């Protein structure tokens, strides 16, 4: 089987030449495009998630030999979560190669975080099945790059940290309010405000409520910590 030009280009960006090209084709095929003679990437996604998890667990243990399980767990979660997988997928322009059904394509599927994250995991599984764990590991470490060494900041849950800050000062938990939602259904932008009982607030916008809440909490947390120092 010969890869199409776009998949050959993707293979180059991955840094892996497939002995079984059909694995890459399956990895980029969404269920909306699957059929009798075309498998989708859901089973590969399941496997790739586990391969990624093992690679990241090993990498974190090697990166910080003195870290406790309590320190490692949030770092691990930050590195394997869907948002991070989607970021890596955008980095290699994986969306350009996705095989989507017409409805999914028309609704902006190539840019959807969930589809990109799932496809990234499926691609990891495809490399694993094609060439083994060490090759998949090398690719993952190369693509994740500096994220592993700088994961400390990403791993901090700003909402939890802000709530703990408030509780330590006998305040109720922060409240979050959606101020607006803009853009089309397939690419919404949420504006969220977080407020403390003492009146301090911060706003942030992002492509999901969760991300906007985290960003708003991070901004307000930085402000209250700066004022306290």
C-alpha atoms as a PDB file:
ATOM      1  CA  UNK A   1       0.000   0.000   0.000  1.00  0.00           C
ATOM      2  CA  UNK A   2       1.318   3.412  -0.958  1.00  0.00           C
ATOM      3  CA  UNK A   3       0.593   6.445   1.185  1.00  0.00           C
ATOM      4  CA  UNK A   4      -1.015   9.527  -0.307  1.00  0.00           C
ATOM      5  CA  UNK A   5       1.112  12.668  -0.559  1.00  0.00           C
ATOM      6  CA  UNK A   6      -0.388  14.233   2.579  1.00  0.00           C
ATOM      7  CA  UNK A   7       0.239  11.078   4.630  1.00  0.00           C
ATOM      8  CA  UNK A   8       3.777  10.777   3.287  1.00  0.00           C
ATOM      9  CA  UNK A   9       4.343  14.330   4.483  1.00  0.00           C
ATOM     10  CA  UNK A  10       2.835  13.459   7.876  1.00  0.00           C
ATOM     11  CA  UNK A  11       5.083  10.401   8.100  1.00  0.00           C
ATOM     12  CA  UNK A  12       8.076  12.666   7.512  1.00  0.00           C
ATOM     13  CA  UNK A  13       6.955  15.069  10.245  1.00  0.00           C
ATOM     14  CA  UNK A  14       6.557  12.109  12.598  1.00  0.00           C
ATOM     15  CA  UNK A  15      10.072  10.988  11.756  1.00  0.00           C
ATOM     16  CA  UNK A  16       8.940   7.434  11.003  1.00  0.00           C
ATOM     17  CA  UNK A  17       8.701   5.498   7.755  1.00  0.00           C
ATOM     18  CA  UNK A  18       5.898   2.955   8.017  1.00  0.00           C
ATOM     19  CA  UNK A  19       6.494  -0.647   6.987  1.00  0.00           C
ATOM     20  CA  UNK A  20       2.727  -1.102   7.261  1.00  0.00           C
ATOM     21  CA  UNK A  21       1.276   2.130   5.835  1.00  0.00           C
ATOM     22  CA  UNK A  22      -2.277   0.943   6.453  1.00  0.00           C
ATOM     23  CA  UNK A  23      -1.704   1.575  10.161  1.00  0.00           C
ATOM     24  CA  UNK A  24      -1.205   5.292   9.561  1.00  0.00           C
ATOM     25  CA  UNK A  25      -4.266   5.403   7.304  1.00  0.00           C
ATOM     26  CA  UNK A  26      -6.355   3.823  10.054  1.00  0.00           C
ATOM     27  CA  UNK A  27      -4.894   6.179  12.673  1.00  0.00           C
ATOM     28  CA  UNK A  28      -6.141   9.263  10.834  1.00  0.00           C
ATOM     29  CA  UNK A  29      -9.571   7.837   9.919  1.00  0.00           C
ATOM     30  CA  UNK A  30     -12.420   9.187  12.049  1.00  0.00           C
ATOM     31  CA  UNK A  31     -15.509   7.082  12.669  1.00  0.00           C
ATOM     32  CA  UNK A  32     -17.517   9.457  10.447  1.00  0.00           C
ATOM     33  CA  UNK A  33     -15.468   8.258   7.462  1.00  0.00           C
ATOM     34  CA  UNK A  34     -15.216   4.575   8.379  1.00  0.00           C
ATOM     35  CA  UNK A  35     -16.974   1.894   6.384  1.00  0.00           C
ATOM     36  CA  UNK A  36     -17.007  -1.797   5.558  1.00  0.00           C
ATOM     37  CA  UNK A  37     -13.525  -1.660   4.039  1.00  0.00           C
ATOM     38  CA  UNK A  38     -12.169   1.200   6.122  1.00  0.00           C
ATOM     39  CA  UNK A  39     -11.507   0.888   9.871  1.00  0.00           C
ATOM     40  CA  UNK A  40     -11.656   3.936  12.132  1.00  0.00           C
ATOM     41  CA  UNK A  41      -9.030   4.934  14.691  1.00  0.00           C
ATOM     42  CA  UNK A  42     -10.923   4.223  17.921  1.00  0.00           C
ATOM     43  CA  UNK A  43      -9.152   0.979  18.809  1.00  0.00           C
ATOM     44  CA  UNK A  44      -5.781   2.537  18.011  1.00  0.00           C
ATOM     45  CA  UNK A  45      -6.684   5.518  20.197  1.00  0.00           C
ATOM     46  CA  UNK A  46      -7.309   3.130  23.109  1.00  0.00           C
ATOM     47  CA  UNK A  47      -3.897   1.514  22.656  1.00  0.00           C
ATOM     48  CA  UNK A  48      -2.046   4.770  22.008  1.00  0.00           C
ATOM     49  CA  UNK A  49      -3.323   6.260  25.244  1.00  0.00           C
ATOM     50  CA  UNK A  50      -1.667   3.394  27.147  1.00  0.00           C
ATOM     51  CA  UNK A  51       1.601   3.641  25.219  1.00  0.00           C
ATOM     52  CA  UNK A  52       1.725   7.390  25.844  1.00  0.00           C
ATOM     53  CA  UNK A  53       1.049   6.822  29.525  1.00  0.00           C
ATOM     54  CA  UNK A  54       3.948   4.408  29.902  1.00  0.00           C
ATOM     55  CA  UNK A  55       6.325   6.695  28.004  1.00  0.00           C
ATOM     56  CA  UNK A  56       5.386   9.685  30.163  1.00  0.00           C
ATOM     57  CA  UNK A  57       5.566   7.715  33.419  1.00  0.00           C
ATOM     58  CA  UNK A  58       9.105   6.589  32.564  1.00  0.00           C
ATOM     59  CA  UNK A  59      10.120  10.069  31.432  1.00  0.00           C
ATOM     60  CA  UNK A  60       8.871  11.734  34.605  1.00  0.00           C
ATOM     61  CA  UNK A  61      10.633   9.230  36.844  1.00  0.00           C
ATOM     62  CA  UNK A  62      13.869   9.867  34.964  1.00  0.00           C
ATOM     63  CA  UNK A  63      13.378  13.640  34.957  1.00  0.00           C
ATOM     64  CA  UNK A  64      12.955  13.971  38.733  1.00  0.00           C
ATOM     65  CA  UNK A  65      14.331  11.044  40.703  1.00  0.00           C
ATOM     66  CA  UNK A  66      13.308  12.541  44.028  1.00  0.00           C
ATOM     67  CA  UNK A  67       9.678  13.338  43.224  1.00  0.00           C
ATOM     68  CA  UNK A  68       6.925  11.694  45.239  1.00  0.00           C
ATOM     69  CA  UNK A  69       3.873  10.012  43.755  1.00  0.00           C
ATOM     70  CA  UNK A  70       1.829  13.028  44.808  1.00  0.00           C
ATOM     71  CA  UNK A  71       4.122  15.301  42.799  1.00  0.00           C
ATOM     72  CA  UNK A  72       4.325  13.004  39.779  1.00  0.00           C
ATOM     73  CA  UNK A  73       0.586  12.366  39.350  1.00  0.00           C
ATOM     74  CA  UNK A  74      -0.461  15.928  38.367  1.00  0.00           C
ATOM     75  CA  UNK A  75       2.538  16.242  36.043  1.00  0.00           C
ATOM     76  CA  UNK A  76       1.591  12.972  34.395  1.00  0.00           C
ATOM     77  CA  UNK A  77      -2.012  14.081  33.973  1.00  0.00           C
ATOM     78  CA  UNK A  78      -0.881  17.354  32.398  1.00  0.00           C
ATOM     79  CA  UNK A  79       1.273  15.542  29.835  1.00  0.00           C
ATOM     80  CA  UNK A  80      -1.262  12.913  28.738  1.00  0.00           C
ATOM     81  CA  UNK A  81      -4.500  14.908  28.843  1.00  0.00           C
ATOM     82  CA  UNK A  82      -6.448  15.480  25.649  1.00  0.00           C
ATOM     83  CA  UNK A  83      -5.508  19.165  25.451  1.00  0.00           C
ATOM     84  CA  UNK A  84      -1.799  18.349  25.366  1.00  0.00           C
ATOM     85  CA  UNK A  85      -2.265  15.626  22.761  1.00  0.00           C
ATOM     86  CA  UNK A  86      -4.230  18.098  20.638  1.00  0.00           C
ATOM     87  CA  UNK A  87      -1.472  20.711  20.992  1.00  0.00           C
ATOM     88  CA  UNK A  88       1.097  18.204  19.740  1.00  0.00           C
ATOM     89  CA  UNK A  89      -1.250  17.258  16.893  1.00  0.00           C
ATOM     90  CA  UNK A  90      -1.451  20.923  15.846  1.00  0.00           C
ATOM     91  CA  UNK A  91       2.340  21.146  16.047  1.00  0.00           C
ATOM     92  CA  UNK A  92       2.669  18.494  13.328  1.00  0.00           C
ATOM     93  CA  UNK A  93      -0.398  19.656  11.355  1.00  0.00           C
ATOM     94  CA  UNK A  94      -2.141  16.349  11.975  1.00  0.00           C
ATOM     95  CA  UNK A  95      -5.532  17.934  11.304  1.00  0.00           C
ATOM     96  CA  UNK A  96      -4.643  18.396   7.633  1.00  0.00           C
ATOM     97  CA  UNK A  97      -4.411  14.622   7.206  1.00  0.00           C
ATOM     98  CA  UNK A  98      -7.549  13.536   9.069  1.00  0.00           C
ATOM     99  CA  UNK A  99     -10.006  11.441   7.063  1.00  0.00           C
ATOM    100  CA  UNK A 100     -13.434  12.800   8.027  1.00  0.00           C
ATOM    101  CA  UNK A 101     -16.995  12.353   6.898  1.00  0.00           C
ATOM    102  CA  UNK A 102     -18.643  15.288   5.158  1.00  0.00           C
ATOM    103  CA  UNK A 103     -20.681  16.455   8.163  1.00  0.00           C
ATOM    104  CA  UNK A 104     -17.666  16.333  10.480  1.00  0.00           C
ATOM    105  CA  UNK A 105     -15.539  18.148   7.942  1.00  0.00           C
ATOM    106  CA  UNK A 106     -18.160  20.872   7.452  1.00  0.00           C
ATOM    107  CA  UNK A 107     -18.387  21.429  11.215  1.00  0.00           C
ATOM    108  CA  UNK A 108     -14.665  22.129  11.549  1.00  0.00           C
ATOM    109  CA  UNK A 109     -13.547  18.665  12.592  1.00  0.00           C
ATOM    110  CA  UNK A 110      -9.941  19.256  11.584  1.00  0.00           C
ATOM    111  CA  UNK A 111      -9.664  21.853  14.349  1.00  0.00           C
ATOM    112  CA  UNK A 112     -11.630  20.090  17.079  1.00  0.00           C
ATOM    113  CA  UNK A 113      -9.597  19.388  20.167  1.00  0.00           C
ATOM    114  CA  UNK A 114     -11.162  15.997  20.864  1.00  0.00           C
ATOM    115  CA  UNK A 115     -10.625  14.719  17.318  1.00  0.00           C
ATOM    116  CA  UNK A 116      -7.024  15.949  17.236  1.00  0.00           C
ATOM    117  CA  UNK A 117      -6.228  14.454  20.636  1.00  0.00           C
ATOM    118  CA  UNK A 118      -7.768  11.106  19.723  1.00  0.00           C
ATOM    119  CA  UNK A 119      -5.925  11.010  16.391  1.00  0.00           C
ATOM    120  CA  UNK A 120      -2.608  11.811  18.083  1.00  0.00           C
ATOM    121  CA  UNK A 121      -3.056   8.848  20.413  1.00  0.00           C
ATOM    122  CA  UNK A 122      -3.987   6.656  17.447  1.00  0.00           C
ATOM    123  CA  UNK A 123      -0.847   7.710  15.577  1.00  0.00           C
ATOM    124  CA  UNK A 124       1.274   6.749  18.600  1.00  0.00           C
ATOM    125  CA  UNK A 125      -0.343   3.300  18.542  1.00  0.00           C
ATOM    126  CA  UNK A 126       0.258   3.001  14.806  1.00  0.00           C
ATOM    127  CA  UNK A 127       3.976   3.633  15.261  1.00  0.00           C
ATOM    128  CA  UNK A 128       4.051   1.215  18.202  1.00  0.00           C
ATOM    129  CA  UNK A 129       2.431  -1.581  16.176  1.00  0.00           C
ATOM    130  CA  UNK A 130       4.597  -0.844  13.153  1.00  0.00           C
ATOM    131  CA  UNK A 131       7.998  -0.678  14.854  1.00  0.00           C
ATOM    132  CA  UNK A 132       7.731  -1.459  18.561  1.00  0.00           C
ATOM    133  CA  UNK A 133       7.802   0.402  21.852  1.00  0.00           C
ATOM    134  CA  UNK A 134      11.273   1.942  21.598  1.00  0.00           C
ATOM    135  CA  UNK A 135      10.496   3.599  18.271  1.00  0.00           C
ATOM    136  CA  UNK A 136       7.158   4.906  19.562  1.00  0.00           C
ATOM    137  CA  UNK A 137       8.873   6.134  22.714  1.00  0.00           C
ATOM    138  CA  UNK A 138      11.529   8.014  20.750  1.00  0.00           C
ATOM    139  CA  UNK A 139       8.860   9.708  18.647  1.00  0.00           C
ATOM    140  CA  UNK A 140       6.749  10.706  21.652  1.00  0.00           C
ATOM    141  CA  UNK A 141       9.713  12.136  23.535  1.00  0.00           C
ATOM    142  CA  UNK A 142      10.768  14.105  20.465  1.00  0.00           C
ATOM    143  CA  UNK A 143       7.290  15.498  19.827  1.00  0.00           C
ATOM    144  CA  UNK A 144       6.513  16.313  23.464  1.00  0.00           C
ATOM    145  CA  UNK A 145       9.978  17.870  23.779  1.00  0.00           C
ATOM    146  CA  UNK A 146      10.319  20.626  26.382  1.00  0.00           C
ATOM    147  CA  UNK A 147       6.839  19.969  27.740  1.00  0.00           C
ATOM    148  CA  UNK A 148       8.271  17.215  29.933  1.00  0.00           C
ATOM    149  CA  UNK A 149      10.869  19.403  31.623  1.00  0.00           C
ATOM    150  CA  UNK A 150       8.526  22.372  32.048  1.00  0.00           C
ATOM    151  CA  UNK A 151       5.421  20.457  33.090  1.00  0.00           C
ATOM    152  CA  UNK A 152       5.496  21.784  36.673  1.00  0.00           C
ATOM    153  CA  UNK A 153       3.657  24.981  35.752  1.00  0.00           C
ATOM    154  CA  UNK A 154       1.114  23.179  33.568  1.00  0.00           C
ATOM    155  CA  UNK A 155       0.444  20.597  36.267  1.00  0.00           C
ATOM    156  CA  UNK A 156      -0.684  23.124  38.841  1.00  0.00           C
ATOM    157  CA  UNK A 157      -4.469  23.159  38.982  1.00  0.00           C
ATOM    158  CA  UNK A 158      -5.200  26.881  39.286  1.00  0.00           C
ATOM    159  CA  UNK A 159      -8.845  26.411  40.312  1.00  0.00           C
ATOM    160  CA  UNK A 160      -7.874  24.106  43.163  1.00  0.00           C
ATOM    161  CA  UNK A 161      -5.021  26.383  44.232  1.00  0.00           C
ATOM    162  CA  UNK A 162      -7.283  29.447  44.254  1.00  0.00           C
ATOM    163  CA  UNK A 163      -9.936  27.595  46.251  1.00  0.00           C
ATOM    164  CA  UNK A 164      -7.307  26.511  48.796  1.00  0.00           C
ATOM    165  CA  UNK A 165      -6.076  30.106  49.023  1.00  0.00           C
ATOM    166  CA  UNK A 166      -9.614  31.313  49.745  1.00  0.00           C
ATOM    167  CA  UNK A 167     -10.330  28.574  52.290  1.00  0.00           C
ATOM    168  CA  UNK A 168      -7.096  29.376  54.144  1.00  0.00           C
ATOM    169  CA  UNK A 169      -8.538  32.873  54.679  1.00  0.00           C
ATOM    170  CA  UNK A 170     -11.975  31.634  55.781  1.00  0.00           C
ATOM    171  CA  UNK A 171     -13.572  32.670  52.473  1.00  0.00           C
ATOM    172  CA  UNK A 172     -16.128  30.602  50.569  1.00  0.00           C
ATOM    173  CA  UNK A 173     -14.951  29.001  47.305  1.00  0.00           C
ATOM    174  CA  UNK A 174     -14.509  31.327  44.305  1.00  0.00           C
ATOM    175  CA  UNK A 175     -17.508  31.695  42.005  1.00  0.00           C
ATOM    176  CA  UNK A 176     -17.331  31.413  38.211  1.00  0.00           C
ATOM    177  CA  UNK A 177     -19.680  33.147  35.787  1.00  0.00           C
ATOM    178  CA  UNK A 178     -19.946  32.836  32.030  1.00  0.00           C
ATOM    179  CA  UNK A 179     -19.947  36.386  30.662  1.00  0.00           C
ATOM    180  CA  UNK A 180     -20.294  35.513  27.002  1.00  0.00           C
ATOM    181  CA  UNK A 181     -19.974  32.877  24.353  1.00  0.00           C
ATOM    182  CA  UNK A 182     -18.863  33.857  20.875  1.00  0.00           C
ATOM    183  CA  UNK A 183     -18.112  32.144  17.581  1.00  0.00           C
ATOM    184  CA  UNK A 184     -19.712  29.196  15.760  1.00  0.00           C
ATOM    185  CA  UNK A 185     -20.805  26.005  17.534  1.00  0.00           C
ATOM    186  CA  UNK A 186     -17.772  24.063  16.305  1.00  0.00           C
ATOM    187  CA  UNK A 187     -15.282  26.693  17.532  1.00  0.00           C
ATOM    188  CA  UNK A 188     -16.808  28.603  20.467  1.00  0.00           C
ATOM    189  CA  UNK A 189     -14.938  31.112  22.613  1.00  0.00           C
ATOM    190  CA  UNK A 190     -16.049  31.438  26.240  1.00  0.00           C
ATOM    191  CA  UNK A 191     -15.396  34.460  28.457  1.00  0.00           C
ATOM    192  CA  UNK A 192     -15.422  33.533  32.152  1.00  0.00           C
ATOM    193  CA  UNK A 193     -15.148  35.713  35.244  1.00  0.00           C
ATOM    194  CA  UNK A 194     -13.962  34.384  38.593  1.00  0.00           C
ATOM    195  CA  UNK A 195     -14.801  36.299  41.770  1.00  0.00           C
ATOM    196  CA  UNK A 196     -13.682  36.066  45.387  1.00  0.00           C
ATOM    197  CA  UNK A 197     -15.869  37.057  48.309  1.00  0.00           C
ATOM    198  CA  UNK A 198     -13.720  40.146  48.913  1.00  0.00           C
ATOM    199  CA  UNK A 199     -14.619  41.449  45.441  1.00  0.00           C
ATOM    200  CA  UNK A 200     -11.425  40.617  43.591  1.00  0.00           C
ATOM    201  CA  UNK A 201     -12.077  39.327  40.060  1.00  0.00           C
ATOM    202  CA  UNK A 202     -10.343  38.217  36.887  1.00  0.00           C
ATOM    203  CA  UNK A 203     -11.524  37.340  33.394  1.00  0.00           C
ATOM    204  CA  UNK A 204     -10.228  34.993  30.717  1.00  0.00           C
ATOM    205  CA  UNK A 205     -11.323  33.587  27.376  1.00  0.00           C
ATOM    206  CA  UNK A 206     -10.683  30.173  25.843  1.00  0.00           C
ATOM    207  CA  UNK A 207     -12.182  27.554  23.559  1.00  0.00           C
ATOM    208  CA  UNK A 208     -13.832  25.657  26.425  1.00  0.00           C
ATOM    209  CA  UNK A 209     -15.392  26.631  29.746  1.00  0.00           C
ATOM    210  CA  UNK A 210     -12.866  24.501  31.606  1.00  0.00           C
ATOM    211  CA  UNK A 211      -9.890  26.187  29.991  1.00  0.00           C
ATOM    212  CA  UNK A 212     -11.363  29.652  30.495  1.00  0.00           C
ATOM    213  CA  UNK A 213     -12.075  28.947  34.173  1.00  0.00           C
ATOM    214  CA  UNK A 214      -8.539  27.658  34.674  1.00  0.00           C
ATOM    215  CA  UNK A 215      -7.067  30.690  32.922  1.00  0.00           C
ATOM    216  CA  UNK A 216      -9.184  33.118  34.957  1.00  0.00           C
ATOM    217  CA  UNK A 217      -8.260  31.347  38.190  1.00  0.00           C
ATOM    218  CA  UNK A 218      -4.572  31.428  37.261  1.00  0.00           C
ATOM    219  CA  UNK A 219      -4.728  35.172  36.604  1.00  0.00           C
ATOM    220  CA  UNK A 220      -6.527  35.928  39.872  1.00  0.00           C
ATOM    221  CA  UNK A 221      -4.254  33.601  41.839  1.00  0.00           C
ATOM    222  CA  UNK A 222      -1.180  35.392  40.511  1.00  0.00           C
ATOM    223  CA  UNK A 223      -2.719  38.725  41.537  1.00  0.00           C
ATOM    224  CA  UNK A 224      -3.612  37.733  45.109  1.00  0.00           C
ATOM    225  CA  UNK A 225      -0.265  36.016  45.650  1.00  0.00           C
ATOM    226  CA  UNK A 226       1.580  39.092  44.355  1.00  0.00           C
ATOM    227  CA  UNK A 227      -0.435  41.389  46.640  1.00  0.00           C
ATOM    228  CA  UNK A 228       0.292  39.129  49.597  1.00  0.00           C
ATOM    229  CA  UNK A 229       4.057  39.105  49.042  1.00  0.00           C
END
